[in-house]
Amino acid sequence: MKHIGAVQVVVTADEFDREPTLAELDAIELESPVILAEVDLLDAQIKTLDRPENDIDTRRIRRARKRVLTARRDLANRTADASAPGGAA
């Protein structure tokens, strides 16, 4: 009986067998406020799944959506400022 097995080097690609680079970690850190705000929004939406929405739930979701939009705006402004050539005169 022949042993059928894959060669380890072929199966495991080097590209996926590494730690994140510093640039990738910086990008994650830059986007973390947006990620956290989206998690809060999802939590608020999940809380309303098994019961009818009331005024408190509606306000909670509205505030969470506002935090997501604010975090996205801040991220867009930071990335736009960082990529703008030159500087203020």
PDB file of N, CA and C in Angstrom:
ATOM      1  N   MET A   1       0.838  -1.176   0.000  1.00  0.00           N
ATOM      2  CA  MET A   1       0.000   0.000   0.000  1.00  0.00           C
ATOM      3  C   MET A   1       0.879   1.234   0.000  1.00  0.00           C
ATOM      4  N   LYS A   2       0.590   2.150  -0.911  1.00  0.00           N
ATOM      5  CA  LYS A   2       1.368   3.377  -1.005  1.00  0.00           C
ATOM      6  C   LYS A   2       0.799   4.414  -0.050  1.00  0.00           C
ATOM      7  N   HIS A   3       1.679   5.187   0.531  1.00  0.00           N
ATOM      8  CA  HIS A   3       1.257   6.284   1.407  1.00  0.00           C
ATOM      9  C   HIS A   3       0.968   7.500   0.541  1.00  0.00           C
ATOM     10  N   ILE A   4      -0.254   7.982   0.622  1.00  0.00           N
ATOM     11  CA  ILE A   4      -0.638   9.163  -0.144  1.00  0.00           C
ATOM     12  C   ILE A   4      -0.631  10.344   0.806  1.00  0.00           C
ATOM     13  N   GLY A   5       0.231  11.264   0.564  1.00  0.00           N
ATOM     14  CA  GLY A   5       0.314  12.444   1.412  1.00  0.00           C
ATOM     15  C   GLY A   5       0.858  13.608   0.626  1.00  0.00           C
ATOM     16  N   ALA A   6       0.486  14.762   1.026  1.00  0.00           N
ATOM     17  CA  ALA A   6       0.947  15.966   0.342  1.00  0.00           C
ATOM     18  C   ALA A   6       2.276  16.399   0.910  1.00  0.00           C
ATOM     19  N   VAL A   7       3.060  16.992   0.065  1.00  0.00           N
ATOM     20  CA  VAL A   7       4.321  17.551   0.510  1.00  0.00           C
ATOM     21  C   VAL A   7       3.999  18.809   1.305  1.00  0.00           C
ATOM     22  N   GLN A   8       4.557  18.923   2.477  1.00  0.00           N
ATOM     23  CA  GLN A   8       4.198  20.010   3.393  1.00  0.00           C
ATOM     24  C   GLN A   8       4.454  21.381   2.787  1.00  0.00           C
ATOM     25  N   VAL A   9       5.525  21.555   2.065  1.00  0.00           N
ATOM     26  CA  VAL A   9       5.863  22.862   1.513  1.00  0.00           C
ATOM     27  C   VAL A   9       4.827  23.310   0.493  1.00  0.00           C
ATOM     28  N   VAL A  10       4.293  22.385  -0.266  1.00  0.00           N
ATOM     29  CA  VAL A  10       3.313  22.730  -1.284  1.00  0.00           C
ATOM     30  C   VAL A  10       1.974  23.085  -0.645  1.00  0.00           C
ATOM     31  N   VAL A  11       1.591  22.383   0.405  1.00  0.00           N
ATOM     32  CA  VAL A  11       0.300  22.602   1.047  1.00  0.00           C
ATOM     33  C   VAL A  11       0.284  23.905   1.823  1.00  0.00           C
ATOM     34  N   THR A  12       1.320  24.174   2.564  1.00  0.00           N
ATOM     35  CA  THR A  12       1.387  25.361   3.399  1.00  0.00           C
ATOM     36  C   THR A  12       2.119  26.466   2.644  1.00  0.00           C
ATOM     37  N   ALA A  13       1.394  27.471   2.237  1.00  0.00           N
ATOM     38  CA  ALA A  13       2.013  28.575   1.511  1.00  0.00           C
ATOM     39  C   ALA A  13       2.734  29.494   2.479  1.00  0.00           C
ATOM     40  N   ASP A  14       3.869  29.992   2.070  1.00  0.00           N
ATOM     41  CA  ASP A  14       4.651  30.887   2.926  1.00  0.00           C
ATOM     42  C   ASP A  14       3.909  32.187   3.208  1.00  0.00           C
ATOM     43  N   GLU A  15       3.109  32.633   2.257  1.00  0.00           N
ATOM     44  CA  GLU A  15       2.405  33.901   2.403  1.00  0.00           C
ATOM     45  C   GLU A  15       1.452  33.896   3.599  1.00  0.00           C
ATOM     46  N   PHE A  16       0.846  32.768   3.894  1.00  0.00           N
ATOM     47  CA  PHE A  16      -0.125  32.688   4.981  1.00  0.00           C
ATOM     48  C   PHE A  16       0.507  32.236   6.293  1.00  0.00           C
ATOM     49  N   ASP A  17       1.760  31.914   6.250  1.00  0.00           N
ATOM     50  CA  ASP A  17       2.436  31.389   7.434  1.00  0.00           C
ATOM     51  C   ASP A  17       3.343  32.453   8.041  1.00  0.00           C
ATOM     52  N   ARG A  18       2.771  33.625   8.300  1.00  0.00           N
ATOM     53  CA  ARG A  18       3.571  34.709   8.844  1.00  0.00           C
ATOM     54  C   ARG A  18       2.735  35.549   9.793  1.00  0.00           C
ATOM     55  N   GLU A  19       3.417  36.339  10.564  1.00  0.00           N
ATOM     56  CA  GLU A  19       2.767  37.281  11.469  1.00  0.00           C
ATOM     57  C   GLU A  19       2.420  38.553  10.685  1.00  0.00           C
ATOM     58  N   PRO A  20       1.482  39.357  11.192  1.00  0.00           N
ATOM     59  CA  PRO A  20       1.177  40.620  10.508  1.00  0.00           C
ATOM     60  C   PRO A  20       2.376  41.564  10.553  1.00  0.00           C
ATOM     61  N   THR A  21       2.511  42.332   9.498  1.00  0.00           N
ATOM     62  CA  THR A  21       3.595  43.305   9.455  1.00  0.00           C
ATOM     63  C   THR A  21       3.234  44.518  10.321  1.00  0.00           C
ATOM     64  N   LEU A  22       4.208  45.354  10.552  1.00  0.00           N
ATOM     65  CA  LEU A  22       3.950  46.561  11.341  1.00  0.00           C
ATOM     66  C   LEU A  22       2.946  47.470  10.645  1.00  0.00           C
ATOM     67  N   ALA A  23       3.010  47.535   9.323  1.00  0.00           N
ATOM     68  CA  ALA A  23       2.052  48.362   8.581  1.00  0.00           C
ATOM     69  C   ALA A  23       0.635  47.822   8.741  1.00  0.00           C
ATOM     70  N   GLU A  24       0.477  46.496   8.707  1.00  0.00           N
ATOM     71  CA  GLU A  24      -0.847  45.901   8.895  1.00  0.00           C
ATOM     72  C   GLU A  24      -1.363  46.137  10.304  1.00  0.00           C
ATOM     73  N   LEU A  25      -0.493  46.035  11.291  1.00  0.00           N
ATOM     74  CA  LEU A  25      -0.900  46.300  12.676  1.00  0.00           C
ATOM     75  C   LEU A  25      -1.285  47.762  12.864  1.00  0.00           C
ATOM     76  N   ASP A  26      -0.559  48.663  12.221  1.00  0.00           N
ATOM     77  CA  ASP A  26      -0.902  50.087  12.293  1.00  0.00           C
ATOM     78  C   ASP A  26      -2.262  50.356  11.654  1.00  0.00           C
ATOM     79  N   ALA A  27      -2.542  49.686  10.537  1.00  0.00           N
ATOM     80  CA  ALA A  27      -3.840  49.862   9.876  1.00  0.00           C
ATOM     81  C   ALA A  27      -4.972  49.350  10.752  1.00  0.00           C
ATOM     82  N   ILE A  28      -4.755  48.234  11.420  1.00  0.00           N
ATOM     83  CA  ILE A  28      -5.771  47.687  12.329  1.00  0.00           C
ATOM     84  C   ILE A  28      -6.001  48.651  13.488  1.00  0.00           C
ATOM     85  N   GLU A  29      -4.924  49.179  14.031  1.00  0.00           N
ATOM     86  CA  GLU A  29      -5.052  50.119  15.144  1.00  0.00           C
ATOM     87  C   GLU A  29      -5.768  51.400  14.714  1.00  0.00           C
ATOM     88  N   LEU A  30      -5.509  51.838  13.489  1.00  0.00           N
ATOM     89  CA  LEU A  30      -6.159  53.036  12.969  1.00  0.00           C
ATOM     90  C   LEU A  30      -7.659  52.807  12.793  1.00  0.00           C
ATOM     91  N   GLU A  31      -8.033  51.598  12.381  1.00  0.00           N
ATOM     92  CA  GLU A  31      -9.436  51.283  12.133  1.00  0.00           C
ATOM     93  C   GLU A  31     -10.175  50.760  13.363  1.00  0.00           C
ATOM     94  N   SER A  32      -9.492  50.544  14.470  1.00  0.00           N
ATOM     95  CA  SER A  32     -10.131  49.949  15.640  1.00  0.00           C
ATOM     96  C   SER A  32     -11.304  50.753  16.192  1.00  0.00           C
ATOM     97  N   PRO A  33     -11.312  52.098  16.187  1.00  0.00           N
ATOM     98  CA  PRO A  33     -12.514  52.797  16.663  1.00  0.00           C
ATOM     99  C   PRO A  33     -13.751  52.493  15.811  1.00  0.00           C
ATOM    100  N   VAL A  34     -13.555  52.349  14.503  1.00  0.00           N
ATOM    101  CA  VAL A  34     -14.681  52.005  13.627  1.00  0.00           C
ATOM    102  C   VAL A  34     -15.166  50.594  13.931  1.00  0.00           C
ATOM    103  N   ILE A  35     -14.231  49.685  14.106  1.00  0.00           N
ATOM    104  CA  ILE A  35     -14.591  48.296  14.390  1.00  0.00           C
ATOM    105  C   ILE A  35     -15.361  48.206  15.697  1.00  0.00           C
ATOM    106  N   LEU A  36     -14.886  48.882  16.722  1.00  0.00           N
ATOM    107  CA  LEU A  36     -15.560  48.839  18.022  1.00  0.00           C
ATOM    108  C   LEU A  36     -16.948  49.475  17.957  1.00  0.00           C
ATOM    109  N   ALA A  37     -17.082  50.564  17.202  1.00  0.00           N
ATOM    110  CA  ALA A  37     -18.391  51.205  17.062  1.00  0.00           C
ATOM    111  C   ALA A  37     -19.358  50.286  16.319  1.00  0.00           C
ATOM    112  N   GLU A  38     -18.864  49.575  15.306  1.00  0.00           N
ATOM    113  CA  GLU A  38     -19.724  48.649  14.575  1.00  0.00           C
ATOM    114  C   GLU A  38     -20.138  47.465  15.449  1.00  0.00           C
ATOM    115  N   VAL A  39     -19.248  47.025  16.323  1.00  0.00           N
ATOM    116  CA  VAL A  39     -19.596  45.940  17.260  1.00  0.00           C
ATOM    117  C   VAL A  39     -20.678  46.412  18.222  1.00  0.00           C
ATOM    118  N   ASP A  40     -20.570  47.643  18.702  1.00  0.00           N
ATOM    119  CA  ASP A  40     -21.600  48.194  19.593  1.00  0.00           C
ATOM    120  C   ASP A  40     -22.949  48.289  18.881  1.00  0.00           C
ATOM    121  N   LEU A  41     -22.937  48.697  17.622  1.00  0.00           N
ATOM    122  CA  LEU A  41     -24.176  48.754  16.849  1.00  0.00           C
ATOM    123  C   LEU A  41     -24.775  47.371  16.684  1.00  0.00           C
ATOM    124  N   LEU A  42     -23.947  46.413  16.376  1.00  0.00           N
ATOM    125  CA  LEU A  42     -24.433  45.040  16.229  1.00  0.00           C
ATOM    126  C   LEU A  42     -25.004  44.513  17.534  1.00  0.00           C
ATOM    127  N   ASP A  43     -24.361  44.812  18.647  1.00  0.00           N
ATOM    128  CA  ASP A  43     -24.888  44.405  19.951  1.00  0.00           C
ATOM    129  C   ASP A  43     -26.259  45.028  20.213  1.00  0.00           C
ATOM    130  N   ALA A  44     -26.406  46.294  19.887  1.00  0.00           N
ATOM    131  CA  ALA A  44     -27.690  46.972  20.095  1.00  0.00           C
ATOM    132  C   ALA A  44     -28.776  46.348  19.209  1.00  0.00           C
ATOM    133  N   GLN A  45     -28.417  45.982  17.994  1.00  0.00           N
ATOM    134  CA  GLN A  45     -29.390  45.363  17.097  1.00  0.00           C
ATOM    135  C   GLN A  45     -29.754  43.956  17.552  1.00  0.00           C
ATOM    136  N   ILE A  46     -28.786  43.219  18.065  1.00  0.00           N
ATOM    137  CA  ILE A  46     -29.047  41.858  18.538  1.00  0.00           C
ATOM    138  C   ILE A  46     -29.991  41.871  19.732  1.00  0.00           C
ATOM    139  N   LYS A  47     -29.852  42.871  20.600  1.00  0.00           N
ATOM    140  CA  LYS A  47     -30.715  42.953  21.776  1.00  0.00           C
ATOM    141  C   LYS A  47     -32.187  43.093  21.410  1.00  0.00           C
ATOM    142  N   THR A  48     -32.470  43.618  20.221  1.00  0.00           N
ATOM    143  CA  THR A  48     -33.860  43.836  19.827  1.00  0.00           C
ATOM    144  C   THR A  48     -34.440  42.685  19.013  1.00  0.00           C
ATOM    145  N   LEU A  49     -33.678  41.636  18.781  1.00  0.00           N
ATOM    146  CA  LEU A  49     -34.157  40.545  17.927  1.00  0.00           C
ATOM    147  C   LEU A  49     -35.300  39.741  18.545  1.00  0.00           C
ATOM    148  N   ASP A  50     -35.252  39.519  19.838  1.00  0.00           N
ATOM    149  CA  ASP A  50     -36.233  38.625  20.452  1.00  0.00           C
ATOM    150  C   ASP A  50     -37.383  39.354  21.149  1.00  0.00           C
ATOM    151  N   ARG A  51     -37.483  40.639  20.925  1.00  0.00           N
ATOM    152  CA  ARG A  51     -38.588  41.389  21.526  1.00  0.00           C
ATOM    153  C   ARG A  51     -38.924  42.573  20.643  1.00  0.00           C
ATOM    154  N   PRO A  52     -40.101  43.115  20.790  1.00  0.00           N
ATOM    155  CA  PRO A  52     -40.450  44.303  20.000  1.00  0.00           C
ATOM    156  C   PRO A  52     -39.599  45.499  20.431  1.00  0.00           C
ATOM    157  N   GLU A  53     -39.270  46.323  19.467  1.00  0.00           N
ATOM    158  CA  GLU A  53     -38.465  47.503  19.765  1.00  0.00           C
ATOM    159  C   GLU A  53     -39.258  48.496  20.597  1.00  0.00           C
ATOM    160  N   ASN A  54     -38.605  49.055  21.601  1.00  0.00           N
ATOM    161  CA  ASN A  54     -39.235  50.110  22.389  1.00  0.00           C
ATOM    162  C   ASN A  54     -38.418  51.394  22.230  1.00  0.00           C
ATOM    163  N   ASP A  55     -38.806  52.429  22.907  1.00  0.00           N
ATOM    164  CA  ASP A  55     -38.131  53.724  22.754  1.00  0.00           C
ATOM    165  C   ASP A  55     -36.658  53.662  23.153  1.00  0.00           C
ATOM    166  N   ILE A  56     -36.373  52.936  24.213  1.00  0.00           N
ATOM    167  CA  ILE A  56     -34.978  52.835  24.681  1.00  0.00           C
ATOM    168  C   ILE A  56     -34.127  52.119  23.655  1.00  0.00           C
ATOM    169  N   ASP A  57     -34.643  51.018  23.088  1.00  0.00           N
ATOM    170  CA  ASP A  57     -33.893  50.291  22.058  1.00  0.00           C
ATOM    171  C   ASP A  57     -33.675  51.164  20.822  1.00  0.00           C
ATOM    172  N   THR A  58     -34.699  51.900  20.454  1.00  0.00           N
ATOM    173  CA  THR A  58     -34.582  52.780  19.295  1.00  0.00           C
ATOM    174  C   THR A  58     -33.503  53.823  19.515  1.00  0.00           C
ATOM    175  N   ARG A  59     -33.463  54.427  20.694  1.00  0.00           N
ATOM    176  CA  ARG A  59     -32.427  55.417  21.003  1.00  0.00           C
ATOM    177  C   ARG A  59     -31.045  54.779  21.051  1.00  0.00           C
ATOM    178  N   ARG A  60     -30.975  53.576  21.617  1.00  0.00           N
ATOM    179  CA  ARG A  60     -29.691  52.878  21.711  1.00  0.00           C
ATOM    180  C   ARG A  60     -29.124  52.612  20.309  1.00  0.00           C
ATOM    181  N   ILE A  61     -29.973  52.156  19.395  1.00  0.00           N
ATOM    182  CA  ILE A  61     -29.527  51.881  18.029  1.00  0.00           C
ATOM    183  C   ILE A  61     -29.156  53.181  17.316  1.00  0.00           C
ATOM    184  N   ARG A  62     -29.944  54.221  17.509  1.00  0.00           N
ATOM    185  CA  ARG A  62     -29.654  55.502  16.878  1.00  0.00           C
ATOM    186  C   ARG A  62     -28.308  56.058  17.356  1.00  0.00           C
ATOM    187  N   ARG A  63     -28.047  55.973  18.669  1.00  0.00           N
ATOM    188  CA  ARG A  63     -26.764  56.443  19.199  1.00  0.00           C
ATOM    189  C   ARG A  63     -25.604  55.605  18.662  1.00  0.00           C
ATOM    190  N   ALA A  64     -25.820  54.290  18.568  1.00  0.00           N
ATOM    191  CA  ALA A  64     -24.765  53.414  18.050  1.00  0.00           C
ATOM    192  C   ALA A  64     -24.481  53.721  16.586  1.00  0.00           C
ATOM    193  N   ARG A  65     -25.517  53.980  15.794  1.00  0.00           N
ATOM    194  CA  ARG A  65     -25.307  54.348  14.385  1.00  0.00           C
ATOM    195  C   ARG A  65     -24.548  55.669  14.282  1.00  0.00           C
ATOM    196  N   LYS A  66     -24.876  56.604  15.165  1.00  0.00           N
ATOM    197  CA  LYS A  66     -24.182  57.890  15.160  1.00  0.00           C
ATOM    198  C   LYS A  66     -22.707  57.697  15.505  1.00  0.00           C
ATOM    199  N   ARG A  67     -22.395  56.813  16.448  1.00  0.00           N
ATOM    200  CA  ARG A  67     -20.994  56.548  16.796  1.00  0.00           C
ATOM    201  C   ARG A  67     -20.242  55.915  15.626  1.00  0.00           C
ATOM    202  N   VAL A  68     -20.928  55.026  14.890  1.00  0.00           N
ATOM    203  CA  VAL A  68     -20.296  54.414  13.714  1.00  0.00           C
ATOM    204  C   VAL A  68     -19.988  55.480  12.667  1.00  0.00           C
ATOM    205  N   LEU A  69     -20.954  56.332  12.388  1.00  0.00           N
ATOM    206  CA  LEU A  69     -20.740  57.387  11.396  1.00  0.00           C
ATOM    207  C   LEU A  69     -19.627  58.348  11.822  1.00  0.00           C
ATOM    208  N   THR A  70     -19.601  58.682  13.098  1.00  0.00           N
ATOM    209  CA  THR A  70     -18.558  59.577  13.613  1.00  0.00           C
ATOM    210  C   THR A  70     -17.186  58.923  13.490  1.00  0.00           C
ATOM    211  N   ALA A  71     -17.094  57.648  13.841  1.00  0.00           N
ATOM    212  CA  ALA A  71     -15.817  56.942  13.749  1.00  0.00           C
ATOM    213  C   ALA A  71     -15.366  56.823  12.296  1.00  0.00           C
ATOM    214  N   ARG A  72     -16.302  56.558  11.386  1.00  0.00           N
ATOM    215  CA  ARG A  72     -15.943  56.483   9.963  1.00  0.00           C
ATOM    216  C   ARG A  72     -15.490  57.839   9.439  1.00  0.00           C
ATOM    217  N   ARG A  73     -16.172  58.914   9.852  1.00  0.00           N
ATOM    218  CA  ARG A  73     -15.784  60.255   9.431  1.00  0.00           C
ATOM    219  C   ARG A  73     -14.380  60.586   9.933  1.00  0.00           C
ATOM    220  N   ASP A  74     -14.130  60.294  11.202  1.00  0.00           N
ATOM    221  CA  ASP A  74     -12.816  60.574  11.770  1.00  0.00           C
ATOM    222  C   ASP A  74     -11.726  59.779  11.055  1.00  0.00           C
ATOM    223  N   LEU A  75     -12.013  58.519  10.737  1.00  0.00           N
ATOM    224  CA  LEU A  75     -11.041  57.704  10.018  1.00  0.00           C
ATOM    225  C   LEU A  75     -10.785  58.264   8.624  1.00  0.00           C
ATOM    226  N   ALA A  76     -11.838  58.657   7.942  1.00  0.00           N
ATOM    227  CA  ALA A  76     -11.676  59.227   6.597  1.00  0.00           C
ATOM    228  C   ALA A  76     -10.872  60.523   6.651  1.00  0.00           C
ATOM    229  N   ASN A  77     -11.128  61.351   7.655  1.00  0.00           N
ATOM    230  CA  ASN A  77     -10.385  62.600   7.780  1.00  0.00           C
ATOM    231  C   ASN A  77      -8.916  62.345   8.104  1.00  0.00           C
ATOM    232  N   ARG A  78      -8.655  61.357   8.960  1.00  0.00           N
ATOM    233  CA  ARG A  78      -7.257  61.040   9.289  1.00  0.00           C
ATOM    234  C   ARG A  78      -6.500  60.501   8.089  1.00  0.00           C
ATOM    235  N   THR A  79      -7.138  59.602   7.326  1.00  0.00           N
ATOM    236  CA  THR A  79      -6.459  59.047   6.164  1.00  0.00           C
ATOM    237  C   THR A  79      -6.300  60.089   5.072  1.00  0.00           C
ATOM    238  N   ALA A  80      -7.257  61.000   4.951  1.00  0.00           N
ATOM    239  CA  ALA A  80      -7.136  62.064   3.952  1.00  0.00           C
ATOM    240  C   ALA A  80      -6.020  63.026   4.333  1.00  0.00           C
ATOM    241  N   ASP A  81      -5.909  63.339   5.609  1.00  0.00           N
ATOM    242  CA  ASP A  81      -4.843  64.225   6.060  1.00  0.00           C
ATOM    243  C   ASP A  81      -3.473  63.572   5.880  1.00  0.00           C
ATOM    244  N   ALA A  82      -3.402  62.268   6.129  1.00  0.00           N
ATOM    245  CA  ALA A  82      -2.132  61.576   6.016  1.00  0.00           C
ATOM    246  C   ALA A  82      -1.689  61.426   4.571  1.00  0.00           C
ATOM    247  N   SER A  83      -2.638  61.344   3.632  1.00  0.00           N
ATOM    248  CA  SER A  83      -2.264  61.126   2.245  1.00  0.00           C
ATOM    249  C   SER A  83      -2.172  62.419   1.443  1.00  0.00           C
ATOM    250  N   ALA A  84      -2.508  63.542   2.050  1.00  0.00           N
ATOM    251  CA  ALA A  84      -2.448  64.817   1.331  1.00  0.00           C
ATOM    252  C   ALA A  84      -0.992  65.211   1.116  1.00  0.00           C
ATOM    253  N   PRO A  85      -0.636  65.516  -0.121  1.00  0.00           N
ATOM    254  CA  PRO A  85       0.761  65.916  -0.374  1.00  0.00           C
ATOM    255  C   PRO A  85       1.018  67.325   0.169  1.00  0.00           C
ATOM    256  N   GLY A  86       2.257  67.534   0.544  1.00  0.00           N
ATOM    257  CA  GLY A  86       2.636  68.857   1.042  1.00  0.00           C
ATOM    258  C   GLY A  86       2.084  69.122   2.420  1.00  0.00           C
ATOM    259  N   GLY A  87       1.935  70.365   2.730  1.00  0.00           N
ATOM    260  CA  GLY A  87       1.414  70.729   4.032  1.00  0.00           C
ATOM    261  C   GLY A  87       0.789  72.109   3.966  1.00  0.00           C
ATOM    262  N   ALA A  88       0.327  72.543   5.085  1.00  0.00           N
ATOM    263  CA  ALA A  88      -0.275  73.876   5.140  1.00  0.00           C
ATOM    264  C   ALA A  88       0.823  74.919   4.994  1.00  0.00           C
ATOM    265  N   ALA A  89       0.508  75.969   4.305  1.00  0.00           N
ATOM    266  CA  ALA A  89       1.514  77.011   4.070  1.00  0.00           C
ATOM    267  C   ALA A  89       1.617  77.942   5.243  1.00  0.00           C
TER     268      ALA A  89
END
